[in-house]
Amino acid sequence: MSDYDSMTYEEFGRRFFEIAVTEERVGAAIADIAGAEFSMGPMAQGPGKIAKVTAKVHVQDPSVTRHVGDLITFDIRIPLEIELIIDLRIDKPRFKVFGEILLRATALAAHPLSLILDVEKPTPSDIAIHITSTSLRAELLRIVAGVDAEIKRFICQHVAGEIDSPGAVKAKVIDVGGQIAEVWTGV
């Protein structure tokens, strides 16, 4: 077949991965896993657990950076906007929170013929947040109640649960052999 430039099976496999596992495809898979929004709370915080913290988290589109080396890896940044309320029974200060989740993923090959996107679970250090308060009183309350650490902890817990969910597991595994069997006509 002189119209084709042949390559080794090893070259084919590597080239397949480099073409199949793109930033766009990984971004779409992560967006499906992350969802559009989730709520947290109310969470009891501060001295005597008197403050009740609730938040609505809006997940933005992820940005993905691919690194091609011995392994194909990805740095994934997921921006967040969070509407935060601290209920003190007598006052309910509101906060606007901007944040970002940093995830890392690796494209792997598995038997019999599957492509897997292995996404690491985040730690609190993978979560960055910036909180704007409407008053000095609200800012002091945020600090005393330890709200920043609790938001990071909850986001980590939520994302880890989403990574392990049945829908996410399905989104992270592509049965290449099965898909080839479905489309191969033998002609």
N, C-alpha and C. Protein backbone atom coordinates (compact mmCIF):
# COMPACT_ATOMS: atom_id res chain seq x y z
N MET A 1 0.85 -1.18 0.00
CA MET A 1 0.00 0.00 0.00
C MET A 1 0.89 1.23 0.00
N SER A 2 1.26 1.61 -1.18
CA SER A 2 2.24 2.68 -1.35
C SER A 2 1.71 4.06 -1.00
N ASP A 3 0.40 4.22 -0.85
CA ASP A 3 -0.16 5.54 -0.52
C ASP A 3 0.00 5.90 0.95
N TYR A 4 0.46 4.98 1.78
CA TYR A 4 0.55 5.21 3.22
C TYR A 4 2.00 5.11 3.68
N ASP A 5 2.35 5.97 4.62
CA ASP A 5 3.66 5.95 5.24
C ASP A 5 3.56 5.05 6.47
N SER A 6 4.17 3.89 6.43
CA SER A 6 4.02 2.93 7.52
C SER A 6 4.80 3.35 8.76
N MET A 7 4.39 2.77 9.89
CA MET A 7 5.06 3.01 11.16
C MET A 7 4.99 1.72 11.97
N THR A 8 5.79 1.68 13.04
CA THR A 8 5.77 0.50 13.89
C THR A 8 4.50 0.51 14.75
N TYR A 9 4.19 -0.64 15.32
CA TYR A 9 3.04 -0.72 16.23
C TYR A 9 3.26 0.22 17.43
N GLU A 10 4.49 0.29 17.91
CA GLU A 10 4.79 1.17 19.03
C GLU A 10 4.58 2.63 18.65
N GLU A 11 5.04 3.02 17.47
CA GLU A 11 4.82 4.39 17.00
C GLU A 11 3.33 4.68 16.85
N PHE A 12 2.59 3.69 16.31
CA PHE A 12 1.15 3.85 16.15
C PHE A 12 0.48 4.09 17.50
N GLY A 13 0.83 3.28 18.50
CA GLY A 13 0.24 3.41 19.82
C GLY A 13 0.51 4.78 20.43
N ARG A 14 1.74 5.22 20.34
CA ARG A 14 2.10 6.53 20.89
C ARG A 14 1.37 7.64 20.16
N ARG A 15 1.36 7.55 18.83
CA ARG A 15 0.67 8.57 18.03
C ARG A 15 -0.83 8.58 18.31
N PHE A 16 -1.41 7.39 18.49
CA PHE A 16 -2.82 7.29 18.83
C PHE A 16 -3.11 8.07 20.11
N PHE A 17 -2.31 7.86 21.14
CA PHE A 17 -2.51 8.56 22.41
C PHE A 17 -2.38 10.07 22.23
N GLU A 18 -1.37 10.50 21.49
CA GLU A 18 -1.16 11.93 21.32
C GLU A 18 -2.31 12.60 20.57
N ILE A 19 -2.95 11.86 19.65
CA ILE A 19 -4.08 12.41 18.91
C ILE A 19 -5.38 12.26 19.69
N ALA A 20 -5.57 11.12 20.35
CA ALA A 20 -6.84 10.84 21.03
C ALA A 20 -7.02 11.65 22.31
N VAL A 21 -5.95 11.87 23.05
CA VAL A 21 -6.07 12.49 24.36
C VAL A 21 -5.62 13.95 24.26
N THR A 22 -6.56 14.80 23.83
CA THR A 22 -6.26 16.21 23.63
C THR A 22 -6.73 17.03 24.83
N GLU A 23 -6.26 18.26 24.89
CA GLU A 23 -6.70 19.18 25.94
C GLU A 23 -8.21 19.38 25.88
N GLU A 24 -8.75 19.50 24.67
CA GLU A 24 -10.19 19.73 24.51
C GLU A 24 -11.00 18.55 25.04
N ARG A 25 -10.58 17.33 24.70
CA ARG A 25 -11.32 16.14 25.15
C ARG A 25 -11.21 15.96 26.67
N VAL A 26 -10.04 16.19 27.20
CA VAL A 26 -9.87 16.08 28.65
C VAL A 26 -10.69 17.16 29.35
N GLY A 27 -10.67 18.37 28.81
CA GLY A 27 -11.47 19.46 29.39
C GLY A 27 -12.95 19.13 29.40
N ALA A 28 -13.45 18.54 28.30
CA ALA A 28 -14.86 18.16 28.22
C ALA A 28 -15.19 17.07 29.24
N ALA A 29 -14.30 16.08 29.39
CA ALA A 29 -14.53 15.01 30.36
C ALA A 29 -14.53 15.56 31.78
N ILE A 30 -13.61 16.46 32.08
CA ILE A 30 -13.54 17.05 33.42
C ILE A 30 -14.77 17.92 33.68
N ALA A 31 -15.22 18.67 32.69
CA ALA A 31 -16.43 19.49 32.85
C ALA A 31 -17.63 18.60 33.17
N ASP A 32 -17.72 17.43 32.52
CA ASP A 32 -18.81 16.50 32.81
C ASP A 32 -18.72 15.98 34.23
N ILE A 33 -17.51 15.70 34.69
CA ILE A 33 -17.31 15.18 36.04
C ILE A 33 -17.61 16.26 37.08
N ALA A 34 -17.13 17.49 36.83
CA ALA A 34 -17.26 18.57 37.81
C ALA A 34 -18.69 19.08 37.93
N GLY A 35 -19.44 19.06 36.85
CA GLY A 35 -20.80 19.60 36.89
C GLY A 35 -20.79 21.11 36.81
N ALA A 36 -21.97 21.70 36.94
CA ALA A 36 -22.10 23.15 36.80
C ALA A 36 -22.13 23.88 38.14
N GLU A 37 -22.76 23.27 39.15
CA GLU A 37 -22.79 23.89 40.47
C GLU A 37 -23.14 22.86 41.53
N PHE A 38 -22.78 23.20 42.77
CA PHE A 38 -23.16 22.38 43.91
C PHE A 38 -23.25 23.28 45.13
N SER A 39 -23.96 22.80 46.14
CA SER A 39 -24.14 23.57 47.37
C SER A 39 -23.45 22.86 48.51
N MET A 40 -23.08 23.64 49.51
CA MET A 40 -22.48 23.08 50.70
C MET A 40 -23.07 23.75 51.93
N GLY A 41 -23.22 22.97 52.97
CA GLY A 41 -23.71 23.51 54.22
C GLY A 41 -25.19 23.28 54.41
N PRO A 42 -25.71 23.77 55.51
CA PRO A 42 -25.00 24.61 56.48
C PRO A 42 -23.99 23.81 57.31
N MET A 43 -22.83 24.45 57.53
CA MET A 43 -21.75 23.86 58.31
C MET A 43 -21.57 24.72 59.56
N ALA A 44 -21.57 24.09 60.74
CA ALA A 44 -21.36 24.81 61.99
C ALA A 44 -19.89 25.18 62.11
N GLN A 45 -19.62 26.45 62.38
CA GLN A 45 -18.24 26.94 62.46
C GLN A 45 -18.07 27.87 63.64
N GLY A 46 -16.80 28.12 63.97
CA GLY A 46 -16.44 29.12 64.96
C GLY A 46 -16.60 28.64 66.39
N PRO A 47 -16.30 29.54 67.34
CA PRO A 47 -16.43 29.20 68.75
C PRO A 47 -17.88 28.82 69.08
N GLY A 48 -18.05 27.68 69.72
CA GLY A 48 -19.38 27.21 70.08
C GLY A 48 -20.21 26.79 68.89
N LYS A 49 -19.58 26.74 67.70
CA LYS A 49 -20.28 26.33 66.47
C LYS A 49 -21.54 27.14 66.24
N ILE A 50 -21.49 28.44 66.64
CA ILE A 50 -22.66 29.29 66.55
C ILE A 50 -22.95 29.75 65.11
N ALA A 51 -21.91 29.87 64.30
CA ALA A 51 -22.09 30.33 62.92
C ALA A 51 -22.45 29.15 62.02
N LYS A 52 -23.41 29.37 61.15
CA LYS A 52 -23.80 28.36 60.16
C LYS A 52 -23.41 28.89 58.78
N VAL A 53 -22.51 28.17 58.12
CA VAL A 53 -22.00 28.60 56.83
C VAL A 53 -22.67 27.80 55.72
N THR A 54 -23.21 28.51 54.73
CA THR A 54 -23.75 27.86 53.54
C THR A 54 -23.11 28.52 52.32
N ALA A 55 -23.01 27.75 51.25
CA ALA A 55 -22.40 28.29 50.04
C ALA A 55 -23.00 27.61 48.82
N LYS A 56 -23.10 28.38 47.75
CA LYS A 56 -23.47 27.84 46.45
C LYS A 56 -22.25 28.03 45.55
N VAL A 57 -21.75 26.91 45.02
CA VAL A 57 -20.52 26.92 44.23
C VAL A 57 -20.89 26.78 42.75
N HIS A 58 -20.46 27.76 41.95
CA HIS A 58 -20.67 27.74 40.50
C HIS A 58 -19.36 27.34 39.85
N VAL A 59 -19.37 26.20 39.16
CA VAL A 59 -18.17 25.67 38.52
C VAL A 59 -18.08 26.24 37.11
N GLN A 60 -16.92 26.82 36.78
CA GLN A 60 -16.69 27.39 35.45
C GLN A 60 -15.99 26.36 34.55
N ASP A 61 -15.84 26.69 33.29
CA ASP A 61 -15.18 25.78 32.35
C ASP A 61 -13.70 25.61 32.72
N PRO A 62 -13.23 24.38 32.70
CA PRO A 62 -11.83 24.13 33.05
C PRO A 62 -10.88 24.58 31.94
N SER A 63 -9.67 24.91 32.34
CA SER A 63 -8.59 25.11 31.35
C SER A 63 -7.60 23.98 31.56
N VAL A 64 -7.12 23.44 30.46
CA VAL A 64 -6.28 22.24 30.51
C VAL A 64 -4.98 22.50 29.77
N THR A 65 -3.88 22.10 30.39
CA THR A 65 -2.56 22.17 29.77
C THR A 65 -1.99 20.76 29.70
N ARG A 66 -1.66 20.34 28.49
CA ARG A 66 -1.13 18.98 28.28
C ARG A 66 0.39 19.02 28.27
N HIS A 67 0.99 17.99 28.87
CA HIS A 67 2.44 17.82 28.87
C HIS A 67 2.75 16.45 28.27
N VAL A 68 3.48 16.45 27.17
CA VAL A 68 3.81 15.19 26.49
C VAL A 68 5.25 14.83 26.82
N GLY A 69 5.42 13.72 27.49
CA GLY A 69 6.74 13.18 27.83
C GLY A 69 6.63 11.67 27.75
N ASP A 70 7.32 10.97 28.66
CA ASP A 70 7.14 9.52 28.71
C ASP A 70 5.67 9.19 28.92
N LEU A 71 5.01 9.98 29.75
CA LEU A 71 3.57 9.88 29.95
C LEU A 71 2.93 11.17 29.43
N ILE A 72 1.66 11.08 29.08
CA ILE A 72 0.91 12.28 28.71
C ILE A 72 0.14 12.70 29.96
N THR A 73 0.48 13.87 30.49
CA THR A 73 -0.15 14.35 31.72
C THR A 73 -0.84 15.69 31.45
N PHE A 74 -1.69 16.06 32.40
CA PHE A 74 -2.47 17.28 32.25
C PHE A 74 -2.52 18.03 33.56
N ASP A 75 -2.40 19.36 33.47
CA ASP A 75 -2.71 20.25 34.58
C ASP A 75 -4.07 20.84 34.25
N ILE A 76 -5.01 20.70 35.18
CA ILE A 76 -6.38 21.13 34.94
C ILE A 76 -6.73 22.17 36.00
N ARG A 77 -7.16 23.33 35.55
CA ARG A 77 -7.57 24.40 36.45
C ARG A 77 -9.07 24.63 36.27
N ILE A 78 -9.80 24.52 37.37
CA ILE A 78 -11.25 24.71 37.33
C ILE A 78 -11.60 25.94 38.16
N PRO A 79 -11.97 27.03 37.51
CA PRO A 79 -12.36 28.24 38.25
C PRO A 79 -13.72 28.05 38.93
N LEU A 80 -13.87 28.69 40.09
CA LEU A 80 -15.09 28.62 40.88
C LEU A 80 -15.54 30.02 41.26
N GLU A 81 -16.84 30.21 41.35
CA GLU A 81 -17.42 31.40 41.98
C GLU A 81 -18.33 30.87 43.07
N ILE A 82 -18.19 31.43 44.26
CA ILE A 82 -18.93 30.93 45.41
C ILE A 82 -19.69 32.07 46.06
N GLU A 83 -20.98 31.85 46.30
CA GLU A 83 -21.80 32.78 47.07
C GLU A 83 -21.86 32.21 48.49
N LEU A 84 -21.31 32.94 49.45
CA LEU A 84 -21.15 32.44 50.81
C LEU A 84 -21.98 33.28 51.78
N ILE A 85 -22.69 32.61 52.68
CA ILE A 85 -23.47 33.29 53.72
C ILE A 85 -23.08 32.68 55.07
N ILE A 86 -22.82 33.55 56.05
CA ILE A 86 -22.57 33.10 57.42
C ILE A 86 -23.76 33.56 58.26
N ASP A 87 -24.54 32.60 58.73
CA ASP A 87 -25.74 32.90 59.50
C ASP A 87 -25.39 32.89 60.99
N LEU A 88 -25.50 34.08 61.61
CA LEU A 88 -25.21 34.22 63.04
C LEU A 88 -26.49 34.35 63.87
N ARG A 89 -27.59 34.08 63.27
CA ARG A 89 -28.93 34.23 63.85
C ARG A 89 -29.34 35.69 63.93
N ILE A 90 -28.46 36.59 64.27
CA ILE A 90 -28.80 38.01 64.35
C ILE A 90 -28.33 38.79 63.12
N ASP A 91 -27.43 38.21 62.38
CA ASP A 91 -26.86 38.86 61.21
C ASP A 91 -26.46 37.78 60.21
N LYS A 92 -26.55 38.10 58.92
CA LYS A 92 -26.18 37.14 57.88
C LYS A 92 -25.26 37.82 56.86
N PRO A 93 -24.00 38.00 57.22
CA PRO A 93 -23.09 38.61 56.24
C PRO A 93 -22.90 37.71 55.02
N ARG A 94 -22.80 38.35 53.86
CA ARG A 94 -22.59 37.64 52.60
C ARG A 94 -21.20 37.96 52.08
N PHE A 95 -20.64 36.97 51.40
CA PHE A 95 -19.30 37.09 50.84
C PHE A 95 -19.32 36.61 49.40
N LYS A 96 -18.43 37.17 48.61
CA LYS A 96 -18.20 36.69 47.25
C LYS A 96 -16.82 36.03 47.26
N VAL A 97 -16.78 34.79 46.80
CA VAL A 97 -15.54 34.02 46.82
C VAL A 97 -15.20 33.62 45.40
N PHE A 98 -13.96 33.84 45.04
CA PHE A 98 -13.44 33.37 43.75
C PHE A 98 -12.37 32.35 44.07
N GLY A 99 -12.40 31.25 43.36
CA GLY A 99 -11.44 30.20 43.65
C GLY A 99 -11.06 29.41 42.43
N GLU A 100 -10.18 28.45 42.68
CA GLU A 100 -9.70 27.60 41.60
C GLU A 100 -9.26 26.27 42.19
N ILE A 101 -9.62 25.19 41.49
CA ILE A 101 -9.18 23.85 41.85
C ILE A 101 -8.10 23.46 40.85
N LEU A 102 -6.99 22.96 41.33
CA LEU A 102 -5.94 22.44 40.46
C LEU A 102 -5.99 20.92 40.55
N LEU A 103 -6.21 20.28 39.40
CA LEU A 103 -6.18 18.82 39.33
C LEU A 103 -5.06 18.39 38.41
N ARG A 104 -4.58 17.18 38.62
CA ARG A 104 -3.59 16.59 37.74
C ARG A 104 -4.14 15.26 37.24
N ALA A 105 -3.87 14.97 35.97
CA ALA A 105 -4.36 13.73 35.40
C ALA A 105 -3.29 13.14 34.49
N THR A 106 -3.37 11.83 34.31
CA THR A 106 -2.44 11.11 33.44
C THR A 106 -3.25 10.20 32.53
N ALA A 107 -2.89 10.19 31.23
CA ALA A 107 -3.51 9.28 30.28
C ALA A 107 -2.76 7.95 30.36
N LEU A 108 -3.51 6.86 30.59
CA LEU A 108 -2.91 5.55 30.74
C LEU A 108 -3.53 4.55 29.77
N ALA A 109 -2.78 3.53 29.43
CA ALA A 109 -3.29 2.42 28.62
C ALA A 109 -3.54 1.25 29.57
N ALA A 110 -4.61 0.47 29.29
CA ALA A 110 -4.94 -0.67 30.15
C ALA A 110 -5.45 -1.82 29.30
N HIS A 111 -5.36 -3.02 29.86
CA HIS A 111 -5.84 -4.23 29.19
C HIS A 111 -7.35 -4.27 29.23
N PRO A 112 -8.02 -4.86 28.27
CA PRO A 112 -7.44 -5.45 27.07
C PRO A 112 -7.05 -4.38 26.05
N LEU A 113 -7.84 -3.33 25.87
CA LEU A 113 -7.47 -2.22 24.99
C LEU A 113 -8.30 -1.01 25.40
N SER A 114 -7.90 -0.37 26.50
CA SER A 114 -8.63 0.77 27.04
C SER A 114 -7.72 1.96 27.25
N LEU A 115 -8.31 3.12 27.19
CA LEU A 115 -7.64 4.39 27.47
C LEU A 115 -8.26 4.92 28.75
N ILE A 116 -7.43 5.23 29.73
CA ILE A 116 -7.92 5.68 31.03
C ILE A 116 -7.34 7.05 31.34
N LEU A 117 -8.18 7.96 31.81
CA LEU A 117 -7.73 9.24 32.31
C LEU A 117 -7.73 9.14 33.83
N ASP A 118 -6.55 9.01 34.41
CA ASP A 118 -6.39 8.86 35.85
C ASP A 118 -6.28 10.24 36.48
N VAL A 119 -7.33 10.65 37.19
CA VAL A 119 -7.39 11.98 37.79
C VAL A 119 -7.07 11.86 39.28
N GLU A 120 -6.07 12.61 39.73
CA GLU A 120 -5.70 12.61 41.15
C GLU A 120 -6.71 13.42 41.94
N LYS A 121 -6.99 12.96 43.15
CA LYS A 121 -7.88 13.71 44.04
C LYS A 121 -7.13 14.92 44.58
N PRO A 122 -7.81 16.07 44.69
CA PRO A 122 -7.12 17.26 45.19
C PRO A 122 -6.94 17.22 46.70
N THR A 123 -5.97 17.99 47.15
CA THR A 123 -5.76 18.24 48.58
C THR A 123 -6.11 19.70 48.83
N PRO A 124 -6.27 20.12 50.08
CA PRO A 124 -6.57 21.53 50.34
C PRO A 124 -5.56 22.50 49.70
N SER A 125 -4.30 22.07 49.56
CA SER A 125 -3.32 22.97 48.94
C SER A 125 -3.55 23.12 47.43
N ASP A 126 -4.40 22.27 46.84
CA ASP A 126 -4.75 22.38 45.43
C ASP A 126 -5.93 23.32 45.20
N ILE A 127 -6.48 23.87 46.28
CA ILE A 127 -7.62 24.78 46.20
C ILE A 127 -7.13 26.17 46.58
N ALA A 128 -7.37 27.13 45.71
CA ALA A 128 -7.04 28.53 46.00
C ALA A 128 -8.35 29.30 46.06
N ILE A 129 -8.51 30.12 47.10
CA ILE A 129 -9.72 30.94 47.19
C ILE A 129 -9.35 32.36 47.59
N HIS A 130 -10.18 33.29 47.13
CA HIS A 130 -10.05 34.71 47.52
C HIS A 130 -11.44 35.18 47.90
N ILE A 131 -11.57 35.64 49.14
CA ILE A 131 -12.87 36.04 49.66
C ILE A 131 -12.91 37.55 49.82
N THR A 132 -13.96 38.16 49.27
CA THR A 132 -14.18 39.59 49.47
C THR A 132 -15.31 39.76 50.46
N SER A 133 -15.07 40.56 51.49
CA SER A 133 -16.06 40.82 52.53
C SER A 133 -16.66 42.20 52.32
N THR A 134 -17.89 42.37 52.77
CA THR A 134 -18.56 43.66 52.60
C THR A 134 -18.28 44.61 53.76
N SER A 135 -17.71 44.10 54.86
CA SER A 135 -17.44 44.96 56.01
C SER A 135 -16.29 44.39 56.83
N LEU A 136 -15.73 45.22 57.69
CA LEU A 136 -14.67 44.77 58.58
C LEU A 136 -15.21 43.70 59.54
N ARG A 137 -16.42 43.90 60.01
CA ARG A 137 -17.05 42.92 60.90
C ARG A 137 -17.16 41.56 60.20
N ALA A 138 -17.58 41.55 58.96
CA ALA A 138 -17.70 40.30 58.20
C ALA A 138 -16.33 39.66 58.01
N GLU A 139 -15.31 40.47 57.75
CA GLU A 139 -13.96 39.95 57.55
C GLU A 139 -13.43 39.30 58.83
N LEU A 140 -13.64 39.95 59.97
CA LEU A 140 -13.22 39.37 61.25
C LEU A 140 -13.96 38.08 61.54
N LEU A 141 -15.23 38.07 61.25
CA LEU A 141 -16.03 36.87 61.43
C LEU A 141 -15.51 35.72 60.59
N ARG A 142 -15.18 35.99 59.36
CA ARG A 142 -14.65 34.96 58.46
C ARG A 142 -13.38 34.35 59.02
N ILE A 143 -12.51 35.18 59.55
CA ILE A 143 -11.23 34.71 60.10
C ILE A 143 -11.45 33.91 61.38
N VAL A 144 -12.26 34.43 62.30
CA VAL A 144 -12.50 33.75 63.57
C VAL A 144 -13.21 32.41 63.35
N ALA A 145 -14.13 32.37 62.39
CA ALA A 145 -14.90 31.14 62.15
C ALA A 145 -14.11 30.10 61.36
N GLY A 146 -12.93 30.44 60.84
CA GLY A 146 -12.13 29.49 60.09
C GLY A 146 -12.79 29.04 58.79
N VAL A 147 -13.47 29.98 58.16
CA VAL A 147 -14.26 29.66 56.98
C VAL A 147 -13.39 29.22 55.80
N ASP A 148 -12.26 29.85 55.59
CA ASP A 148 -11.41 29.53 54.44
C ASP A 148 -11.03 28.04 54.41
N ALA A 149 -10.53 27.56 55.54
CA ALA A 149 -10.10 26.16 55.61
C ALA A 149 -11.27 25.21 55.43
N GLU A 150 -12.43 25.58 55.96
CA GLU A 150 -13.60 24.70 55.83
C GLU A 150 -14.08 24.65 54.38
N ILE A 151 -14.04 25.76 53.68
CA ILE A 151 -14.42 25.77 52.26
C ILE A 151 -13.47 24.87 51.47
N LYS A 152 -12.18 25.00 51.69
CA LYS A 152 -11.20 24.16 50.99
C LYS A 152 -11.42 22.68 51.29
N ARG A 153 -11.66 22.36 52.55
CA ARG A 153 -11.89 20.98 52.94
C ARG A 153 -13.14 20.42 52.26
N PHE A 154 -14.20 21.19 52.25
CA PHE A 154 -15.44 20.71 51.66
C PHE A 154 -15.30 20.54 50.14
N ILE A 155 -14.65 21.48 49.48
CA ILE A 155 -14.45 21.37 48.03
C ILE A 155 -13.63 20.13 47.71
N CYS A 156 -12.56 19.88 48.46
CA CYS A 156 -11.75 18.66 48.25
C CYS A 156 -12.60 17.42 48.41
N GLN A 157 -13.40 17.38 49.46
CA GLN A 157 -14.24 16.23 49.72
C GLN A 157 -15.26 16.04 48.59
N HIS A 158 -15.87 17.13 48.13
CA HIS A 158 -16.85 17.05 47.06
C HIS A 158 -16.21 16.56 45.76
N VAL A 159 -15.07 17.14 45.39
CA VAL A 159 -14.40 16.77 44.14
C VAL A 159 -13.93 15.32 44.20
N ALA A 160 -13.39 14.89 45.33
CA ALA A 160 -12.96 13.49 45.47
C ALA A 160 -14.14 12.55 45.27
N GLY A 161 -15.29 12.90 45.82
CA GLY A 161 -16.49 12.09 45.64
C GLY A 161 -16.93 12.05 44.19
N GLU A 162 -16.83 13.17 43.50
CA GLU A 162 -17.20 13.22 42.09
C GLU A 162 -16.24 12.39 41.24
N ILE A 163 -14.96 12.43 41.56
CA ILE A 163 -13.96 11.66 40.80
C ILE A 163 -14.25 10.16 40.92
N ASP A 164 -14.72 9.73 42.08
CA ASP A 164 -15.01 8.31 42.32
C ASP A 164 -16.44 7.90 41.95
N SER A 165 -17.28 8.84 41.54
CA SER A 165 -18.68 8.51 41.24
C SER A 165 -18.76 7.58 40.02
N PRO A 166 -19.81 6.78 39.93
CA PRO A 166 -19.95 5.87 38.78
C PRO A 166 -19.94 6.59 37.43
N GLY A 167 -20.57 7.75 37.36
CA GLY A 167 -20.57 8.50 36.10
C GLY A 167 -19.18 8.97 35.72
N ALA A 168 -18.39 9.39 36.71
CA ALA A 168 -17.03 9.85 36.43
C ALA A 168 -16.14 8.70 36.02
N VAL A 169 -16.30 7.56 36.69
CA VAL A 169 -15.50 6.38 36.33
C VAL A 169 -15.77 6.03 34.87
N LYS A 170 -17.03 6.07 34.47
CA LYS A 170 -17.39 5.78 33.09
C LYS A 170 -16.79 6.81 32.13
N ALA A 171 -16.80 8.08 32.53
CA ALA A 171 -16.27 9.14 31.67
C ALA A 171 -14.74 9.07 31.53
N LYS A 172 -14.06 8.45 32.51
CA LYS A 172 -12.60 8.40 32.51
C LYS A 172 -12.04 7.17 31.80
N VAL A 173 -12.91 6.24 31.38
CA VAL A 173 -12.45 5.01 30.73
C VAL A 173 -13.07 4.91 29.34
N ILE A 174 -12.23 4.76 28.34
CA ILE A 174 -12.70 4.56 26.97
C ILE A 174 -12.28 3.17 26.54
N ASP A 175 -13.26 2.33 26.25
CA ASP A 175 -13.02 0.97 25.79
C ASP A 175 -12.75 1.02 24.28
N VAL A 176 -11.49 1.22 23.92
CA VAL A 176 -11.12 1.36 22.51
C VAL A 176 -11.41 0.07 21.75
N GLY A 177 -11.08 -1.07 22.35
CA GLY A 177 -11.33 -2.36 21.70
C GLY A 177 -12.81 -2.55 21.41
N GLY A 178 -13.65 -2.21 22.36
CA GLY A 178 -15.10 -2.33 22.17
C GLY A 178 -15.61 -1.40 21.08
N GLN A 179 -15.06 -0.19 21.03
CA GLN A 179 -15.50 0.76 20.00
C GLN A 179 -15.03 0.33 18.62
N ILE A 180 -13.84 -0.24 18.53
CA ILE A 180 -13.37 -0.76 17.23
C ILE A 180 -14.26 -1.90 16.79
N ALA A 181 -14.63 -2.79 17.71
CA ALA A 181 -15.50 -3.93 17.38
C ALA A 181 -16.85 -3.46 16.88
N GLU A 182 -17.36 -2.34 17.45
CA GLU A 182 -18.65 -1.81 17.04
C GLU A 182 -18.63 -1.25 15.62
N VAL A 183 -17.52 -0.63 15.22
CA VAL A 183 -17.49 0.05 13.91
C VAL A 183 -16.83 -0.78 12.81
N TRP A 184 -16.14 -1.82 13.19
CA TRP A 184 -15.44 -2.63 12.17
C TRP A 184 -16.44 -3.45 11.40
N THR A 185 -16.47 -3.25 10.10
CA THR A 185 -17.44 -3.97 9.27
C THR A 185 -16.80 -5.14 8.56
N GLY A 186 -15.48 -5.20 8.57
CA GLY A 186 -14.80 -6.28 7.88
C GLY A 186 -14.64 -6.04 6.39
N VAL A 187 -15.07 -4.88 5.93
CA VAL A 187 -14.98 -4.57 4.51
C VAL A 187 -13.70 -3.85 4.21
